[in-house]
Protein backbone atom coordinates (compact mmCIF):
# COMPACT_ATOMS: atom_id res chain seq x y z
CA UNK A 1 60.17 -0.37 135.14
CA UNK A 2 62.71 -3.22 133.94
CA UNK A 3 66.31 -2.98 135.79
CA UNK A 4 67.97 -4.82 133.13
CA UNK A 5 66.35 -4.47 129.58
CA UNK A 6 67.99 -5.08 126.49
CA UNK A 7 68.39 -1.54 124.84
CA UNK A 8 67.80 -2.23 121.56
CA UNK A 9 64.67 -4.20 121.98
CA UNK A 10 63.49 -1.66 124.53
CA UNK A 11 64.03 1.04 122.52
CA UNK A 12 62.39 -0.48 119.57
CA UNK A 13 59.00 -0.26 121.03
CA UNK A 14 59.13 3.22 122.12
CA UNK A 15 57.61 6.16 120.06
CA UNK A 16 60.22 7.79 117.32
CA UNK A 17 60.15 11.19 119.65
CA UNK A 18 60.93 9.45 122.97
CA UNK A 19 63.75 7.55 121.26
CA UNK A 20 65.19 10.92 119.66
CA UNK A 21 64.91 12.46 123.21
CA UNK A 22 66.80 9.54 125.25
CA UNK A 23 69.39 9.77 122.24
CA UNK A 24 70.33 13.20 123.09
CA UNK A 25 70.65 12.74 126.75
CA UNK A 26 74.00 12.59 128.21
CA UNK A 27 75.24 10.49 131.26
CA UNK A 28 74.47 12.92 133.77
CA UNK A 29 71.03 13.65 132.51
CA UNK A 30 70.53 9.73 132.97
CA UNK A 31 71.56 10.11 136.69
CA UNK A 32 69.17 13.24 137.02
CA UNK A 33 66.15 11.37 135.20
CA UNK A 34 66.81 8.37 137.50
CA UNK A 35 66.70 10.60 140.88
CA UNK A 36 63.60 12.27 139.55
CA UNK A 37 62.02 8.94 139.42
CA UNK A 38 62.91 7.83 142.81
CA UNK A 39 61.96 11.26 144.27
CA UNK A 40 58.62 11.13 142.59
CA UNK A 41 58.18 7.57 144.33
CA UNK A 42 59.32 8.65 147.81
CA UNK A 43 56.63 11.58 147.65
CA UNK A 44 53.77 9.43 146.41
CA UNK A 45 54.73 7.03 149.22
CA UNK A 46 54.92 9.88 151.94
CA UNK A 47 51.60 11.28 150.35
CA UNK A 48 49.76 7.98 151.01
CA UNK A 49 51.12 7.89 154.48
CA UNK A 50 49.68 11.24 155.42
CA UNK A 51 46.31 10.63 153.60
CA UNK A 52 45.83 7.66 155.92
CA UNK A 53 46.99 9.11 159.15
CA UNK A 54 44.64 12.17 158.40
CA UNK A 55 41.66 9.57 157.77
CA UNK A 56 43.01 7.67 161.12
CA UNK A 57 43.10 11.03 163.11
CA UNK A 58 39.58 11.97 161.63
CA UNK A 59 38.41 8.85 162.60
CA UNK A 60 39.78 8.81 166.18
CA UNK A 61 38.29 12.29 166.70
CA UNK A 62 34.84 11.32 165.64
CA UNK A 63 34.83 7.97 167.29
CA UNK A 64 36.00 9.80 170.73
CA UNK A 65 33.39 12.41 170.37
CA UNK A 66 30.51 9.96 169.95
CA UNK A 67 31.90 7.65 172.96
CA UNK A 68 31.46 10.93 174.92
CA UNK A 69 27.86 11.54 173.73
CA UNK A 70 27.08 8.09 174.62
CA UNK A 71 28.66 8.25 178.23
CA UNK A 72 26.83 11.28 179.07
CA UNK A 73 23.56 10.00 177.92
CA UNK A 74 24.31 7.01 180.21
CA UNK A 75 25.11 8.97 183.17
CA UNK A 76 21.92 11.33 182.14
CA UNK A 77 19.64 8.09 182.24
CA UNK A 78 21.22 7.35 185.75
CA UNK A 79 20.90 10.81 187.32
CA UNK A 80 17.48 10.62 186.16
CA UNK A 81 16.18 7.83 188.17
């Protein structure tokens, strides 16, 4: 999204319905819309973080189980001798 766009040229590229919608907005509506966009971006960022946190934790658990099983096998081999 452009921070400082020329209003006339930017509005010309939009569909007619969008231009009409934006023309009806009051200044406080625009602030609310901007806050909503920031909120959605923050939610997406946090969601991505938690997705990778869960993937990392699952990977750690699976790796720990595999390591434990390998250690148990090696100890079993040594006790069997």
